[in-house]
């Protein structure tokens, strides 16, 4: 798969950029911006600045408008995810059982903040509001693996297993 961008405004592989252009064409119309942003994030895993500019240009709106809409919704991410995407539940059940302390411990250990990725691209972290596993509170996930009944003391061991 080639990594050459299809146009000067694109950022990904030719295949990703082609999918973006196809999604924009298919979804173009009134009230389509959120749908196009969702498609773009699915294609790239996040919304790079150049993708926002491409969307704006092809939809005939300003980049600022696209960015304003994207930042309104918490589902959109502006940084690439790490190989190990950590999501810590801060919903009520998890929070009252210490998820806030777990979240802070992970951020401190990795030296990153919410929505960020470590410089080596290994880890990223996000807070979420509920993963539907309240009986296992506090809960976090790393990629597709869910960890429940967590304590702060368990964090180092779990992160160390990520190779």
N, C-alpha and C. Protein backbone atom coordinates (compact mmCIF):
# COMPACT_ATOMS: atom_id res chain seq x y z
N UNK A 1 0.85 -1.19 0.00
CA UNK A 1 0.00 0.00 0.00
C UNK A 1 0.89 1.24 0.00
N UNK A 2 0.63 2.10 -0.89
CA UNK A 2 1.41 3.33 -1.01
C UNK A 2 1.04 4.30 0.09
N UNK A 3 2.02 5.09 0.51
CA UNK A 3 1.75 6.11 1.52
C UNK A 3 1.73 7.50 0.91
N UNK A 4 1.81 7.57 -0.42
CA UNK A 4 1.77 8.87 -1.09
C UNK A 4 0.35 9.43 -1.02
N UNK A 5 0.24 10.66 -0.60
CA UNK A 5 -1.08 11.29 -0.52
C UNK A 5 -1.62 11.53 -1.92
N UNK A 6 -2.96 11.48 -2.07
CA UNK A 6 -3.57 11.62 -3.39
C UNK A 6 -3.62 13.07 -3.85
N UNK A 7 -3.55 13.99 -2.94
CA UNK A 7 -3.56 15.40 -3.32
C UNK A 7 -2.80 16.17 -2.25
N UNK A 8 -2.48 17.40 -2.53
CA UNK A 8 -1.67 18.16 -1.59
C UNK A 8 -2.38 18.42 -0.26
N UNK A 9 -3.71 18.31 -0.26
CA UNK A 9 -4.45 18.57 0.97
C UNK A 9 -4.63 17.33 1.83
N UNK A 10 -4.33 16.15 1.29
CA UNK A 10 -4.57 14.91 2.02
C UNK A 10 -3.36 14.53 2.87
N UNK A 11 -3.56 13.55 3.74
CA UNK A 11 -2.54 13.25 4.72
C UNK A 11 -2.21 11.77 4.81
N UNK A 12 -3.11 10.90 4.45
CA UNK A 12 -2.94 9.47 4.67
C UNK A 12 -2.42 8.74 3.46
N UNK A 13 -2.67 7.44 3.45
CA UNK A 13 -2.30 6.62 2.31
C UNK A 13 -3.24 6.95 1.15
N UNK A 14 -2.88 6.53 -0.05
CA UNK A 14 -3.75 6.76 -1.21
C UNK A 14 -5.12 6.13 -0.96
N UNK A 15 -5.11 4.93 -0.36
CA UNK A 15 -6.38 4.23 -0.09
C UNK A 15 -7.23 5.02 0.91
N UNK A 16 -6.62 5.53 1.97
CA UNK A 16 -7.38 6.32 2.95
C UNK A 16 -7.93 7.58 2.32
N UNK A 17 -7.09 8.26 1.58
CA UNK A 17 -7.52 9.52 0.96
C UNK A 17 -8.64 9.29 -0.06
N UNK A 18 -8.55 8.19 -0.81
CA UNK A 18 -9.60 7.85 -1.76
C UNK A 18 -10.92 7.60 -1.02
N UNK A 19 -10.84 6.87 0.09
CA UNK A 19 -12.05 6.61 0.90
C UNK A 19 -12.64 7.91 1.42
N UNK A 20 -11.79 8.85 1.83
CA UNK A 20 -12.28 10.14 2.31
C UNK A 20 -13.04 10.87 1.21
N UNK A 21 -12.44 10.96 0.05
CA UNK A 21 -13.09 11.65 -1.07
C UNK A 21 -14.42 10.97 -1.44
N UNK A 22 -14.43 9.63 -1.41
CA UNK A 22 -15.67 8.90 -1.71
C UNK A 22 -16.74 9.19 -0.66
N UNK A 23 -16.33 9.23 0.62
CA UNK A 23 -17.29 9.51 1.70
C UNK A 23 -17.86 10.91 1.56
N UNK A 24 -17.00 11.87 1.27
CA UNK A 24 -17.47 13.25 1.11
C UNK A 24 -18.47 13.33 -0.04
N UNK A 25 -18.14 12.69 -1.16
CA UNK A 25 -19.05 12.71 -2.32
C UNK A 25 -20.38 12.05 -1.99
N UNK A 26 -20.34 10.92 -1.30
CA UNK A 26 -21.56 10.19 -0.97
C UNK A 26 -22.42 10.90 0.06
N UNK A 27 -21.78 11.62 0.97
CA UNK A 27 -22.52 12.24 2.08
C UNK A 27 -22.81 13.71 1.87
N UNK A 28 -22.28 14.29 0.80
CA UNK A 28 -22.43 15.72 0.57
C UNK A 28 -23.90 16.11 0.50
N UNK A 29 -24.22 17.18 1.17
CA UNK A 29 -25.58 17.68 1.18
C UNK A 29 -25.83 18.43 2.47
N UNK A 30 -27.04 18.87 2.62
CA UNK A 30 -27.43 19.62 3.80
C UNK A 30 -27.27 18.76 5.05
N UNK A 31 -26.68 19.30 6.08
CA UNK A 31 -26.51 18.65 7.38
C UNK A 31 -25.62 17.41 7.31
N UNK A 32 -24.62 17.41 6.43
CA UNK A 32 -23.77 16.23 6.26
C UNK A 32 -22.44 16.32 6.99
N UNK A 33 -22.11 17.45 7.56
CA UNK A 33 -20.77 17.64 8.12
C UNK A 33 -20.43 16.62 9.21
N UNK A 34 -21.33 16.38 10.12
CA UNK A 34 -21.04 15.42 11.20
C UNK A 34 -20.82 14.03 10.62
N UNK A 35 -21.63 13.65 9.65
CA UNK A 35 -21.46 12.34 9.02
C UNK A 35 -20.12 12.23 8.31
N UNK A 36 -19.71 13.28 7.65
CA UNK A 36 -18.41 13.28 6.96
C UNK A 36 -17.29 13.19 8.00
N UNK A 37 -17.40 13.92 9.09
CA UNK A 37 -16.39 13.84 10.15
C UNK A 37 -16.31 12.43 10.73
N UNK A 38 -17.46 11.81 10.95
CA UNK A 38 -17.47 10.43 11.47
C UNK A 38 -16.77 9.49 10.49
N UNK A 39 -17.06 9.63 9.21
CA UNK A 39 -16.42 8.79 8.20
C UNK A 39 -14.91 9.03 8.18
N UNK A 40 -14.50 10.28 8.25
CA UNK A 40 -13.08 10.61 8.22
C UNK A 40 -12.36 10.02 9.43
N UNK A 41 -12.97 10.12 10.59
CA UNK A 41 -12.33 9.57 11.79
C UNK A 41 -12.24 8.04 11.70
N UNK A 42 -13.24 7.42 11.12
CA UNK A 42 -13.20 5.97 10.94
C UNK A 42 -12.06 5.59 9.98
N UNK A 43 -11.86 6.38 8.97
CA UNK A 43 -10.82 6.11 7.98
C UNK A 43 -9.42 6.30 8.56
N UNK A 44 -9.19 7.42 9.24
CA UNK A 44 -7.85 7.78 9.72
C UNK A 44 -7.60 7.44 11.19
N UNK A 45 -8.66 7.22 11.95
CA UNK A 45 -8.51 6.95 13.38
C UNK A 45 -8.55 8.21 14.22
N UNK A 46 -8.47 9.34 13.58
CA UNK A 46 -8.54 10.67 14.23
C UNK A 46 -8.73 11.69 13.11
N UNK A 47 -8.78 12.96 13.46
CA UNK A 47 -9.00 14.01 12.46
C UNK A 47 -7.77 14.91 12.35
N UNK A 48 -6.84 14.54 11.46
CA UNK A 48 -5.68 15.41 11.25
C UNK A 48 -6.12 16.76 10.68
N UNK A 49 -5.32 17.79 10.93
CA UNK A 49 -5.64 19.14 10.46
C UNK A 49 -5.84 19.17 8.94
N UNK A 50 -5.01 18.47 8.21
CA UNK A 50 -5.13 18.48 6.75
C UNK A 50 -6.41 17.82 6.28
N UNK A 51 -6.93 16.85 7.03
CA UNK A 51 -8.20 16.21 6.68
C UNK A 51 -9.34 17.21 6.93
N UNK A 52 -9.25 17.95 8.02
CA UNK A 52 -10.25 18.99 8.30
C UNK A 52 -10.26 20.00 7.15
N UNK A 53 -9.07 20.39 6.69
CA UNK A 53 -8.99 21.34 5.58
C UNK A 53 -9.58 20.75 4.29
N UNK A 54 -9.32 19.47 4.04
CA UNK A 54 -9.88 18.82 2.86
C UNK A 54 -11.40 18.79 2.92
N UNK A 55 -11.93 18.42 4.07
CA UNK A 55 -13.39 18.37 4.25
C UNK A 55 -13.99 19.75 4.01
N UNK A 56 -13.37 20.77 4.61
CA UNK A 56 -13.87 22.14 4.45
C UNK A 56 -13.90 22.54 2.98
N UNK A 57 -12.80 22.30 2.30
CA UNK A 57 -12.70 22.68 0.89
C UNK A 57 -13.76 21.97 0.05
N UNK A 58 -13.92 20.67 0.27
CA UNK A 58 -14.85 19.90 -0.57
C UNK A 58 -16.32 20.16 -0.22
N UNK A 59 -16.58 20.58 1.02
CA UNK A 59 -17.96 20.90 1.39
C UNK A 59 -18.28 22.38 1.19
N UNK A 60 -17.26 23.17 0.86
CA UNK A 60 -17.48 24.58 0.61
C UNK A 60 -17.74 25.40 1.85
N UNK A 61 -17.11 25.00 2.96
CA UNK A 61 -17.22 25.75 4.21
C UNK A 61 -15.80 26.05 4.70
N UNK A 62 -15.70 26.88 5.71
CA UNK A 62 -14.37 27.22 6.23
C UNK A 62 -13.84 26.09 7.12
N UNK A 63 -12.52 26.03 7.22
CA UNK A 63 -11.89 25.07 8.13
C UNK A 63 -12.31 25.34 9.57
N UNK A 64 -12.50 26.62 9.89
CA UNK A 64 -12.94 26.99 11.24
C UNK A 64 -14.31 26.39 11.55
N UNK A 65 -15.21 26.40 10.57
CA UNK A 65 -16.54 25.83 10.76
C UNK A 65 -16.44 24.32 11.03
N UNK A 66 -15.62 23.65 10.25
CA UNK A 66 -15.45 22.21 10.43
C UNK A 66 -14.87 21.93 11.83
N UNK A 67 -13.86 22.70 12.20
CA UNK A 67 -13.23 22.52 13.51
C UNK A 67 -14.21 22.81 14.64
N UNK A 68 -15.01 23.85 14.51
CA UNK A 68 -16.00 24.19 15.54
C UNK A 68 -16.99 23.04 15.74
N UNK A 69 -17.45 22.47 14.66
CA UNK A 69 -18.39 21.34 14.76
C UNK A 69 -17.68 20.14 15.39
N UNK A 70 -16.47 19.84 14.93
CA UNK A 70 -15.74 18.67 15.45
C UNK A 70 -15.44 18.81 16.94
N UNK A 71 -15.11 20.00 17.39
CA UNK A 71 -14.79 20.17 18.81
C UNK A 71 -16.04 20.19 19.69
N UNK A 72 -17.20 20.41 19.11
CA UNK A 72 -18.44 20.39 19.88
C UNK A 72 -18.76 18.98 20.37
N UNK A 73 -18.42 17.98 19.57
CA UNK A 73 -18.72 16.58 19.89
C UNK A 73 -17.50 15.88 20.47
N UNK A 74 -17.68 15.23 21.62
CA UNK A 74 -16.55 14.57 22.28
C UNK A 74 -16.08 13.32 21.54
N UNK A 75 -16.84 12.82 20.60
CA UNK A 75 -16.44 11.61 19.88
C UNK A 75 -15.26 11.84 18.93
N UNK A 76 -15.02 13.09 18.56
CA UNK A 76 -13.97 13.36 17.59
C UNK A 76 -12.63 13.60 18.29
N UNK A 77 -11.59 12.99 17.74
CA UNK A 77 -10.24 13.07 18.30
C UNK A 77 -9.31 13.74 17.29
N UNK A 78 -8.37 14.51 17.81
CA UNK A 78 -7.47 15.28 16.95
C UNK A 78 -6.03 14.80 17.02
N UNK A 79 -5.80 13.74 17.77
CA UNK A 79 -4.47 13.15 17.88
C UNK A 79 -4.58 11.67 17.57
N UNK A 80 -3.56 11.10 16.94
CA UNK A 80 -3.60 9.66 16.66
C UNK A 80 -3.58 8.87 17.97
N UNK A 81 -4.22 7.72 17.95
CA UNK A 81 -4.21 6.84 19.11
C UNK A 81 -2.90 6.09 19.16
N UNK A 82 -2.50 5.72 20.36
CA UNK A 82 -1.31 4.90 20.53
C UNK A 82 -1.61 3.45 20.18
N UNK A 83 -0.55 2.65 20.07
CA UNK A 83 -0.76 1.21 19.84
C UNK A 83 -1.63 0.63 20.94
N UNK A 84 -1.51 1.18 22.14
CA UNK A 84 -2.33 0.78 23.28
C UNK A 84 -3.21 1.97 23.65
N UNK A 85 -4.46 1.91 23.23
CA UNK A 85 -5.41 3.00 23.50
C UNK A 85 -6.10 2.71 24.82
N UNK A 86 -5.80 3.52 25.82
CA UNK A 86 -6.35 3.34 27.16
C UNK A 86 -7.57 4.24 27.31
N UNK A 87 -8.63 3.68 27.83
CA UNK A 87 -9.84 4.44 28.13
C UNK A 87 -10.23 4.13 29.57
N UNK A 88 -10.27 5.15 30.40
CA UNK A 88 -10.62 4.99 31.81
C UNK A 88 -12.03 5.51 32.02
N UNK A 89 -12.88 4.67 32.57
CA UNK A 89 -14.26 5.07 32.83
C UNK A 89 -14.30 6.00 34.05
N UNK A 90 -14.88 7.16 33.85
CA UNK A 90 -15.08 8.11 34.95
C UNK A 90 -16.56 8.33 35.21
N UNK A 91 -17.38 7.34 34.81
CA UNK A 91 -18.79 7.39 35.13
C UNK A 91 -18.99 7.30 36.63
N UNK A 92 -20.20 7.53 37.08
CA UNK A 92 -20.46 7.62 38.51
C UNK A 92 -20.00 6.41 39.30
N UNK A 93 -20.38 5.21 38.88
CA UNK A 93 -20.02 4.00 39.63
C UNK A 93 -18.51 3.84 39.72
N UNK A 94 -17.81 4.06 38.62
CA UNK A 94 -16.36 3.93 38.62
C UNK A 94 -15.70 5.05 39.42
N UNK A 95 -16.22 6.26 39.24
CA UNK A 95 -15.60 7.40 39.91
C UNK A 95 -15.66 7.27 41.43
N UNK A 96 -16.83 6.86 41.96
CA UNK A 96 -16.95 6.76 43.42
C UNK A 96 -16.11 5.62 43.99
N UNK A 97 -15.66 4.71 43.11
CA UNK A 97 -14.81 3.60 43.56
C UNK A 97 -13.34 3.84 43.25
N UNK A 98 -12.98 5.09 42.90
CA UNK A 98 -11.57 5.44 42.77
C UNK A 98 -11.01 5.58 41.37
N UNK A 99 -11.86 5.64 40.36
CA UNK A 99 -11.37 5.75 38.99
C UNK A 99 -10.58 7.03 38.75
N UNK A 100 -10.93 8.10 39.45
CA UNK A 100 -10.19 9.35 39.30
C UNK A 100 -8.73 9.19 39.68
N UNK A 101 -8.47 8.47 40.77
CA UNK A 101 -7.09 8.23 41.20
C UNK A 101 -6.35 7.34 40.20
N UNK A 102 -7.05 6.35 39.67
CA UNK A 102 -6.45 5.46 38.67
C UNK A 102 -6.08 6.25 37.42
N UNK A 103 -7.00 7.10 36.99
CA UNK A 103 -6.78 7.93 35.81
C UNK A 103 -5.57 8.84 36.01
N UNK A 104 -5.48 9.48 37.15
CA UNK A 104 -4.35 10.36 37.45
C UNK A 104 -3.04 9.58 37.50
N UNK A 105 -3.06 8.38 38.05
CA UNK A 105 -1.86 7.54 38.13
C UNK A 105 -1.36 7.20 36.72
N UNK A 106 -2.27 6.84 35.82
CA UNK A 106 -1.87 6.50 34.46
C UNK A 106 -1.30 7.73 33.75
N UNK A 107 -1.96 8.87 33.88
CA UNK A 107 -1.46 10.09 33.24
C UNK A 107 -0.07 10.44 33.78
N UNK A 108 0.11 10.29 35.09
CA UNK A 108 1.41 10.59 35.70
C UNK A 108 2.48 9.63 35.20
N UNK A 109 2.17 8.35 35.18
CA UNK A 109 3.15 7.34 34.74
C UNK A 109 3.54 7.55 33.28
N UNK A 110 2.57 7.84 32.43
CA UNK A 110 2.84 8.00 31.00
C UNK A 110 3.26 9.41 30.63
N UNK A 111 3.09 10.35 31.55
CA UNK A 111 3.42 11.76 31.35
C UNK A 111 2.67 12.35 30.15
N UNK A 112 1.37 12.02 30.07
CA UNK A 112 0.50 12.59 29.05
C UNK A 112 -0.82 12.97 29.71
N UNK A 113 -1.60 13.78 29.03
CA UNK A 113 -2.89 14.22 29.54
C UNK A 113 -4.00 13.63 28.67
N UNK A 114 -5.23 13.89 29.05
CA UNK A 114 -6.39 13.36 28.34
C UNK A 114 -6.32 13.67 26.85
N UNK A 115 -6.55 12.65 26.03
CA UNK A 115 -6.55 12.83 24.59
C UNK A 115 -5.18 12.83 23.96
N UNK A 116 -4.15 12.62 24.74
CA UNK A 116 -2.79 12.67 24.20
C UNK A 116 -2.21 11.28 24.00
N UNK A 117 -1.12 11.25 23.25
CA UNK A 117 -0.40 10.02 22.95
C UNK A 117 1.06 10.22 23.36
N UNK A 118 1.66 9.17 23.91
CA UNK A 118 3.07 9.27 24.29
C UNK A 118 3.91 9.54 23.05
N UNK A 119 5.05 10.23 23.21
CA UNK A 119 5.88 10.58 22.05
C UNK A 119 6.30 9.38 21.20
N UNK A 120 6.43 8.20 21.81
CA UNK A 120 6.81 7.01 21.06
C UNK A 120 5.63 6.34 20.35
N UNK A 121 4.41 6.88 20.55
CA UNK A 121 3.24 6.33 19.91
C UNK A 121 2.71 5.05 20.55
N UNK A 122 3.26 4.69 21.69
CA UNK A 122 2.87 3.43 22.32
C UNK A 122 1.52 3.51 23.04
N UNK A 123 1.30 4.58 23.81
CA UNK A 123 0.08 4.70 24.61
C UNK A 123 -0.67 5.99 24.29
N UNK A 124 -1.98 5.92 24.37
CA UNK A 124 -2.81 7.12 24.39
C UNK A 124 -3.83 6.91 25.50
N UNK A 125 -4.38 8.03 25.98
CA UNK A 125 -5.34 7.92 27.08
C UNK A 125 -6.52 8.86 26.86
N UNK A 126 -7.68 8.35 27.18
CA UNK A 126 -8.91 9.12 27.13
C UNK A 126 -9.77 8.73 28.32
N UNK A 127 -10.52 9.69 28.81
CA UNK A 127 -11.54 9.41 29.80
C UNK A 127 -12.84 9.12 29.06
N UNK A 128 -13.65 8.25 29.61
CA UNK A 128 -14.98 8.03 29.05
C UNK A 128 -15.99 8.05 30.19
N UNK A 129 -17.23 8.08 29.87
CA UNK A 129 -18.26 8.23 30.91
C UNK A 129 -18.90 6.92 31.34
N UNK A 130 -18.92 5.90 30.51
CA UNK A 130 -19.46 4.61 30.93
C UNK A 130 -19.12 3.56 29.90
N UNK A 131 -18.68 2.41 30.36
CA UNK A 131 -18.42 1.29 29.45
C UNK A 131 -19.42 0.17 29.66
N UNK A 132 -20.39 0.38 30.54
CA UNK A 132 -21.43 -0.62 30.77
C UNK A 132 -20.98 -1.79 31.62
N UNK A 133 -19.95 -1.59 32.41
CA UNK A 133 -19.46 -2.66 33.29
C UNK A 133 -19.43 -2.17 34.73
N UNK A 134 -20.51 -1.53 35.15
CA UNK A 134 -20.55 -0.90 36.47
C UNK A 134 -20.31 -1.89 37.61
N UNK A 135 -20.68 -3.14 37.41
CA UNK A 135 -20.47 -4.15 38.44
C UNK A 135 -19.01 -4.47 38.66
N UNK A 136 -18.15 -4.06 37.72
CA UNK A 136 -16.71 -4.29 37.84
C UNK A 136 -15.95 -3.02 38.21
N UNK A 137 -16.67 -1.98 38.58
CA UNK A 137 -16.07 -0.66 38.85
C UNK A 137 -14.97 -0.76 39.90
N UNK A 138 -13.91 0.04 39.69
CA UNK A 138 -13.59 0.90 38.54
C UNK A 138 -13.02 0.08 37.39
N UNK A 139 -13.26 0.59 36.17
CA UNK A 139 -12.94 -0.13 34.94
C UNK A 139 -12.13 0.75 34.00
N UNK A 140 -11.23 0.09 33.26
CA UNK A 140 -10.55 0.73 32.14
C UNK A 140 -10.42 -0.30 31.05
N UNK A 141 -10.21 0.17 29.84
CA UNK A 141 -9.93 -0.74 28.74
C UNK A 141 -8.63 -0.32 28.08
N UNK A 142 -7.94 -1.31 27.56
CA UNK A 142 -6.77 -1.09 26.73
C UNK A 142 -7.04 -1.87 25.45
N UNK A 143 -7.24 -1.13 24.38
CA UNK A 143 -7.71 -1.70 23.11
C UNK A 143 -8.99 -2.47 23.39
N UNK A 144 -9.02 -3.76 23.14
CA UNK A 144 -10.25 -4.54 23.34
C UNK A 144 -10.29 -5.27 24.68
N UNK A 145 -9.30 -5.06 25.53
CA UNK A 145 -9.25 -5.74 26.83
C UNK A 145 -9.81 -4.84 27.92
N UNK A 146 -10.73 -5.38 28.72
CA UNK A 146 -11.34 -4.63 29.81
C UNK A 146 -10.76 -5.13 31.12
N UNK A 147 -10.39 -4.17 31.96
CA UNK A 147 -9.84 -4.47 33.28
C UNK A 147 -10.78 -3.90 34.32
N UNK A 148 -11.22 -4.74 35.24
CA UNK A 148 -12.17 -4.29 36.26
C UNK A 148 -11.66 -4.50 37.67
N UNK A 149 -12.41 -3.95 38.62
CA UNK A 149 -12.07 -4.02 40.05
C UNK A 149 -10.64 -3.52 40.26
N UNK A 150 -10.30 -2.44 39.58
CA UNK A 150 -8.95 -1.90 39.60
C UNK A 150 -8.61 -1.19 40.90
N UNK A 151 -7.33 -1.18 41.19
CA UNK A 151 -6.77 -0.35 42.24
C UNK A 151 -5.57 0.39 41.63
N UNK A 152 -5.18 1.45 42.25
CA UNK A 152 -4.02 2.22 41.78
C UNK A 152 -2.78 1.32 41.74
N UNK A 153 -2.66 0.42 42.70
CA UNK A 153 -1.48 -0.45 42.77
C UNK A 153 -1.39 -1.43 41.59
N UNK A 154 -2.46 -1.65 40.88
CA UNK A 154 -2.46 -2.59 39.75
C UNK A 154 -1.97 -1.96 38.45
N UNK A 155 -1.93 -0.65 38.38
CA UNK A 155 -1.68 0.04 37.12
C UNK A 155 -0.30 -0.26 36.55
N UNK A 156 0.75 -0.18 37.36
CA UNK A 156 2.10 -0.43 36.84
C UNK A 156 2.19 -1.80 36.20
N UNK A 157 1.66 -2.82 36.85
CA UNK A 157 1.72 -4.18 36.31
C UNK A 157 0.95 -4.32 35.00
N UNK A 158 -0.21 -3.70 34.92
CA UNK A 158 -1.00 -3.80 33.68
C UNK A 158 -0.27 -3.10 32.54
N UNK A 159 0.24 -1.90 32.78
CA UNK A 159 0.94 -1.17 31.71
C UNK A 159 2.24 -1.86 31.31
N UNK A 160 2.92 -2.48 32.27
CA UNK A 160 4.17 -3.17 31.96
C UNK A 160 3.95 -4.35 31.03
N UNK A 161 2.76 -4.93 31.02
CA UNK A 161 2.45 -6.08 30.16
C UNK A 161 2.22 -5.66 28.70
N UNK A 162 2.08 -4.39 28.47
CA UNK A 162 1.85 -3.90 27.11
C UNK A 162 3.18 -3.82 26.38
N UNK A 163 3.42 -4.75 25.53
CA UNK A 163 4.70 -4.81 24.78
C UNK A 163 4.43 -4.68 23.34
